[in-house]
């Protein structure tokens, strides 16, 4: 049961990467919405100027933190499906904790980049899919850690 729950968490994280992660706005008008997978791969984007309504195309650069987090989600899913129980727990701890860390660093980087480039004119909203992936990574790590501790205490008594 633990393996299937772990696989489910990482599978859901992967699905969440295909939903909007971040919305950029200027004067309360949406300028750009980016999915997690667009941050993983880099993509052509269309930005709407909130003052004129004109659209510009540009290139969204790949975000390494998003790439690392997505890779860890895939590793967590594969590990949960093919590894034996004790290794699933260890893999869940490493991939969950790593994904949690990299999504936190992604948020920090995006906020710093927007502040440095636009002086606060652009606001950043991290969407539910981002927060869901962030929480699921943390949950996977926490459950794996608790499971490893409980198993080690049972083995030592």
C-alpha atoms as a PDB file:
ATOM      1  CA  UNK A   1       0.000   0.000   0.000  1.00  0.00           C
ATOM      2  CA  UNK A   2       2.869   2.377   0.803  1.00  0.00           C
ATOM      3  CA  UNK A   3       4.339   1.892  -2.672  1.00  0.00           C
ATOM      4  CA  UNK A   4       1.069   2.701  -4.433  1.00  0.00           C
ATOM      5  CA  UNK A   5       0.482   5.813  -2.294  1.00  0.00           C
ATOM      6  CA  UNK A   6       4.018   7.001  -2.994  1.00  0.00           C
ATOM      7  CA  UNK A   7       3.603   6.361  -6.721  1.00  0.00           C
ATOM      8  CA  UNK A   8       0.298   8.238  -6.590  1.00  0.00           C
ATOM      9  CA  UNK A   9       1.898  11.285  -4.965  1.00  0.00           C
ATOM     10  CA  UNK A  10       4.660  11.480  -7.547  1.00  0.00           C
ATOM     11  CA  UNK A  11       2.256  10.760 -10.412  1.00  0.00           C
ATOM     12  CA  UNK A  12       0.049  13.622  -9.257  1.00  0.00           C
ATOM     13  CA  UNK A  13       3.079  15.924  -9.035  1.00  0.00           C
ATOM     14  CA  UNK A  14       3.910  15.119 -12.659  1.00  0.00           C
ATOM     15  CA  UNK A  15       0.330  15.929 -13.716  1.00  0.00           C
ATOM     16  CA  UNK A  16       0.466  19.228 -11.799  1.00  0.00           C
ATOM     17  CA  UNK A  17       3.491  20.303 -13.845  1.00  0.00           C
ATOM     18  CA  UNK A  18       1.196  20.452 -16.894  1.00  0.00           C
ATOM     19  CA  UNK A  19      -1.079  23.000 -15.199  1.00  0.00           C
ATOM     20  CA  UNK A  20      -0.428  26.731 -14.678  1.00  0.00           C
ATOM     21  CA  UNK A  21       2.335  27.264 -12.096  1.00  0.00           C
ATOM     22  CA  UNK A  22       2.893  31.022 -12.213  1.00  0.00           C
ATOM     23  CA  UNK A  23       0.911  34.051 -13.353  1.00  0.00           C
ATOM     24  CA  UNK A  24       2.594  37.394 -14.016  1.00  0.00           C
ATOM     25  CA  UNK A  25       0.453  40.526 -13.838  1.00  0.00           C
ATOM     26  CA  UNK A  26       0.877  44.254 -14.279  1.00  0.00           C
ATOM     27  CA  UNK A  27      -1.667  46.649 -12.776  1.00  0.00           C
ATOM     28  CA  UNK A  28      -3.931  43.694 -11.957  1.00  0.00           C
ATOM     29  CA  UNK A  29      -4.038  42.559 -15.594  1.00  0.00           C
ATOM     30  CA  UNK A  30      -2.618  39.163 -16.471  1.00  0.00           C
ATOM     31  CA  UNK A  31       0.416  39.472 -18.719  1.00  0.00           C
ATOM     32  CA  UNK A  32       1.615  35.868 -18.813  1.00  0.00           C
ATOM     33  CA  UNK A  33       0.711  32.485 -17.355  1.00  0.00           C
ATOM     34  CA  UNK A  34       3.312  29.719 -17.377  1.00  0.00           C
ATOM     35  CA  UNK A  35       2.908  25.996 -16.722  1.00  0.00           C
ATOM     36  CA  UNK A  36       5.475  23.959 -14.856  1.00  0.00           C
ATOM     37  CA  UNK A  37       6.369  21.988 -17.975  1.00  0.00           C
ATOM     38  CA  UNK A  38       7.006  25.227 -19.896  1.00  0.00           C
ATOM     39  CA  UNK A  39       9.542  26.118 -17.207  1.00  0.00           C
ATOM     40  CA  UNK A  40      11.090  22.654 -17.503  1.00  0.00           C
ATOM     41  CA  UNK A  41      11.535  22.765 -21.269  1.00  0.00           C
ATOM     42  CA  UNK A  42      11.602  26.449 -22.142  1.00  0.00           C
ATOM     43  CA  UNK A  43       8.985  27.577 -24.635  1.00  0.00           C
ATOM     44  CA  UNK A  44       7.824  30.251 -27.038  1.00  0.00           C
ATOM     45  CA  UNK A  45       5.505  32.568 -25.133  1.00  0.00           C
ATOM     46  CA  UNK A  46       3.108  35.364 -25.986  1.00  0.00           C
ATOM     47  CA  UNK A  47       3.079  38.356 -23.648  1.00  0.00           C
ATOM     48  CA  UNK A  48       0.174  40.791 -23.685  1.00  0.00           C
ATOM     49  CA  UNK A  49       0.997  44.443 -23.015  1.00  0.00           C
ATOM     50  CA  UNK A  50      -1.596  45.540 -20.434  1.00  0.00           C
ATOM     51  CA  UNK A  51      -1.523  49.172 -21.593  1.00  0.00           C
ATOM     52  CA  UNK A  52      -1.926  48.682 -25.342  1.00  0.00           C
ATOM     53  CA  UNK A  53      -3.264  45.132 -25.597  1.00  0.00           C
ATOM     54  CA  UNK A  54      -0.523  44.335 -28.116  1.00  0.00           C
ATOM     55  CA  UNK A  55       0.991  40.875 -28.042  1.00  0.00           C
ATOM     56  CA  UNK A  56       4.691  40.097 -28.254  1.00  0.00           C
ATOM     57  CA  UNK A  57       6.269  36.710 -28.684  1.00  0.00           C
ATOM     58  CA  UNK A  58       9.407  35.742 -26.867  1.00  0.00           C
ATOM     59  CA  UNK A  59      11.397  32.843 -25.543  1.00  0.00           C
ATOM     60  CA  UNK A  60      10.911  31.545 -22.021  1.00  0.00           C
ATOM     61  CA  UNK A  61      14.252  30.200 -20.851  1.00  0.00           C
ATOM     62  CA  UNK A  62      14.375  26.817 -19.165  1.00  0.00           C
ATOM     63  CA  UNK A  63      14.431  27.045 -15.361  1.00  0.00           C
ATOM     64  CA  UNK A  64      16.937  24.552 -13.990  1.00  0.00           C
ATOM     65  CA  UNK A  65      15.202  24.332 -10.598  1.00  0.00           C
ATOM     66  CA  UNK A  66      11.953  23.327 -12.341  1.00  0.00           C
ATOM     67  CA  UNK A  67      13.854  20.795 -14.445  1.00  0.00           C
ATOM     68  CA  UNK A  68      15.477  19.242 -11.366  1.00  0.00           C
ATOM     69  CA  UNK A  69      12.149  19.100  -9.498  1.00  0.00           C
ATOM     70  CA  UNK A  70      10.387  17.481 -12.464  1.00  0.00           C
ATOM     71  CA  UNK A  71      13.221  14.955 -12.837  1.00  0.00           C
ATOM     72  CA  UNK A  72      12.926  14.089  -9.149  1.00  0.00           C
ATOM     73  CA  UNK A  73       9.164  13.583  -9.546  1.00  0.00           C
ATOM     74  CA  UNK A  74       9.830  11.114 -12.375  1.00  0.00           C
ATOM     75  CA  UNK A  75      12.535   9.380 -10.318  1.00  0.00           C
ATOM     76  CA  UNK A  76      10.160   9.153  -7.352  1.00  0.00           C
ATOM     77  CA  UNK A  77       7.432   7.613  -9.493  1.00  0.00           C
ATOM     78  CA  UNK A  78       9.754   5.102 -11.146  1.00  0.00           C
ATOM     79  CA  UNK A  79      11.353   4.235  -7.804  1.00  0.00           C
ATOM     80  CA  UNK A  80       7.964   3.659  -6.188  1.00  0.00           C
ATOM     81  CA  UNK A  81       6.950   1.342  -9.013  1.00  0.00           C
ATOM     82  CA  UNK A  82      10.060  -0.821  -9.315  1.00  0.00           C
ATOM     83  CA  UNK A  83      12.049  -0.722  -6.055  1.00  0.00           C
ATOM     84  CA  UNK A  84      11.474  -2.910  -2.984  1.00  0.00           C
ATOM     85  CA  UNK A  85       9.834  -1.403   0.129  1.00  0.00           C
ATOM     86  CA  UNK A  86      12.841  -0.122   2.101  1.00  0.00           C
ATOM     87  CA  UNK A  87      14.361   1.488  -0.974  1.00  0.00           C
ATOM     88  CA  UNK A  88      11.028   3.088  -1.870  1.00  0.00           C
ATOM     89  CA  UNK A  89      11.071   4.849   1.492  1.00  0.00           C
ATOM     90  CA  UNK A  90      14.617   6.071   1.015  1.00  0.00           C
ATOM     91  CA  UNK A  91      13.883   7.140  -2.558  1.00  0.00           C
ATOM     92  CA  UNK A  92      10.739   8.927  -1.382  1.00  0.00           C
ATOM     93  CA  UNK A  93      12.758  10.806   1.218  1.00  0.00           C
ATOM     94  CA  UNK A  94      15.442  11.894  -1.242  1.00  0.00           C
ATOM     95  CA  UNK A  95      13.185  12.718  -4.195  1.00  0.00           C
ATOM     96  CA  UNK A  96      10.487  14.316  -2.039  1.00  0.00           C
ATOM     97  CA  UNK A  97      12.951  16.424  -0.087  1.00  0.00           C
ATOM     98  CA  UNK A  98      14.879  17.352  -3.217  1.00  0.00           C
ATOM     99  CA  UNK A  99      11.751  18.323  -5.127  1.00  0.00           C
ATOM    100  CA  UNK A 100      10.541  20.395  -2.168  1.00  0.00           C
ATOM    101  CA  UNK A 101      13.903  22.187  -2.057  1.00  0.00           C
ATOM    102  CA  UNK A 102      14.072  22.848  -5.802  1.00  0.00           C
ATOM    103  CA  UNK A 103      10.499  24.196  -5.994  1.00  0.00           C
ATOM    104  CA  UNK A 104      11.262  26.495  -3.062  1.00  0.00           C
ATOM    105  CA  UNK A 105      14.409  27.721  -4.851  1.00  0.00           C
ATOM    106  CA  UNK A 106      12.400  28.173  -8.075  1.00  0.00           C
ATOM    107  CA  UNK A 107       9.928  30.455  -6.288  1.00  0.00           C
ATOM    108  CA  UNK A 108      12.745  32.406  -4.676  1.00  0.00           C
ATOM    109  CA  UNK A 109      14.548  32.834  -8.012  1.00  0.00           C
ATOM    110  CA  UNK A 110      11.460  33.934  -9.949  1.00  0.00           C
ATOM    111  CA  UNK A 111      10.524  36.508  -7.311  1.00  0.00           C
ATOM    112  CA  UNK A 112      14.093  37.872  -7.212  1.00  0.00           C
ATOM    113  CA  UNK A 113      14.331  38.015 -11.026  1.00  0.00           C
ATOM    114  CA  UNK A 114      11.031  39.874 -11.351  1.00  0.00           C
ATOM    115  CA  UNK A 115      11.994  42.343  -8.619  1.00  0.00           C
ATOM    116  CA  UNK A 116      15.430  42.990 -10.138  1.00  0.00           C
ATOM    117  CA  UNK A 117      14.190  43.390 -13.706  1.00  0.00           C
ATOM    118  CA  UNK A 118      10.972  45.307 -13.134  1.00  0.00           C
ATOM    119  CA  UNK A 119      11.337  47.031  -9.781  1.00  0.00           C
ATOM    120  CA  UNK A 120       8.076  45.602  -8.489  1.00  0.00           C
ATOM    121  CA  UNK A 121       5.877  46.677 -11.400  1.00  0.00           C
ATOM    122  CA  UNK A 122       5.125  43.058 -12.249  1.00  0.00           C
ATOM    123  CA  UNK A 123       3.413  40.931  -9.624  1.00  0.00           C
ATOM    124  CA  UNK A 124       3.894  37.179  -9.414  1.00  0.00           C
ATOM    125  CA  UNK A 125       1.192  34.765  -8.303  1.00  0.00           C
ATOM    126  CA  UNK A 126       2.128  31.140  -7.714  1.00  0.00           C
ATOM    127  CA  UNK A 127      -0.885  29.079  -8.713  1.00  0.00           C
ATOM    128  CA  UNK A 128      -2.521  26.102  -6.990  1.00  0.00           C
ATOM    129  CA  UNK A 129      -0.660  23.586  -9.162  1.00  0.00           C
ATOM    130  CA  UNK A 130       2.667  24.961  -7.919  1.00  0.00           C
ATOM    131  CA  UNK A 131       1.545  24.837  -4.285  1.00  0.00           C
ATOM    132  CA  UNK A 132       0.083  21.357  -4.768  1.00  0.00           C
ATOM    133  CA  UNK A 133       3.355  20.021  -6.181  1.00  0.00           C
ATOM    134  CA  UNK A 134       5.298  21.777  -3.421  1.00  0.00           C
ATOM    135  CA  UNK A 135       3.061  20.273  -0.716  1.00  0.00           C
ATOM    136  CA  UNK A 136       3.116  16.783  -2.254  1.00  0.00           C
ATOM    137  CA  UNK A 137       6.918  16.794  -2.443  1.00  0.00           C
ATOM    138  CA  UNK A 138       7.033  17.793   1.220  1.00  0.00           C
ATOM    139  CA  UNK A 139       4.447  15.195   2.155  1.00  0.00           C
ATOM    140  CA  UNK A 140       6.334  12.459   0.300  1.00  0.00           C
ATOM    141  CA  UNK A 141       9.535  13.337   2.158  1.00  0.00           C
ATOM    142  CA  UNK A 142       7.814  13.577   5.535  1.00  0.00           C
ATOM    143  CA  UNK A 143       5.917  10.309   5.198  1.00  0.00           C
ATOM    144  CA  UNK A 144       9.068   8.534   4.017  1.00  0.00           C
ATOM    145  CA  UNK A 145      11.063   9.912   6.950  1.00  0.00           C
ATOM    146  CA  UNK A 146       8.429   8.882   9.490  1.00  0.00           C
ATOM    147  CA  UNK A 147       8.156   5.464   7.880  1.00  0.00           C
ATOM    148  CA  UNK A 148      11.936   4.957   7.999  1.00  0.00           C
ATOM    149  CA  UNK A 149      12.100   6.008  11.657  1.00  0.00           C
ATOM    150  CA  UNK A 150       9.201   3.759  12.669  1.00  0.00           C
ATOM    151  CA  UNK A 151      10.711   0.802  10.789  1.00  0.00           C
ATOM    152  CA  UNK A 152      14.117   1.335  12.415  1.00  0.00           C
ATOM    153  CA  UNK A 153      12.568   1.558  15.887  1.00  0.00           C
ATOM    154  CA  UNK A 154      10.649  -1.667  15.296  1.00  0.00           C
ATOM    155  CA  UNK A 155      13.809  -3.363  14.095  1.00  0.00           C
ATOM    156  CA  UNK A 156      15.846  -2.257  17.139  1.00  0.00           C
ATOM    157  CA  UNK A 157      13.307  -3.357  19.765  1.00  0.00           C
END
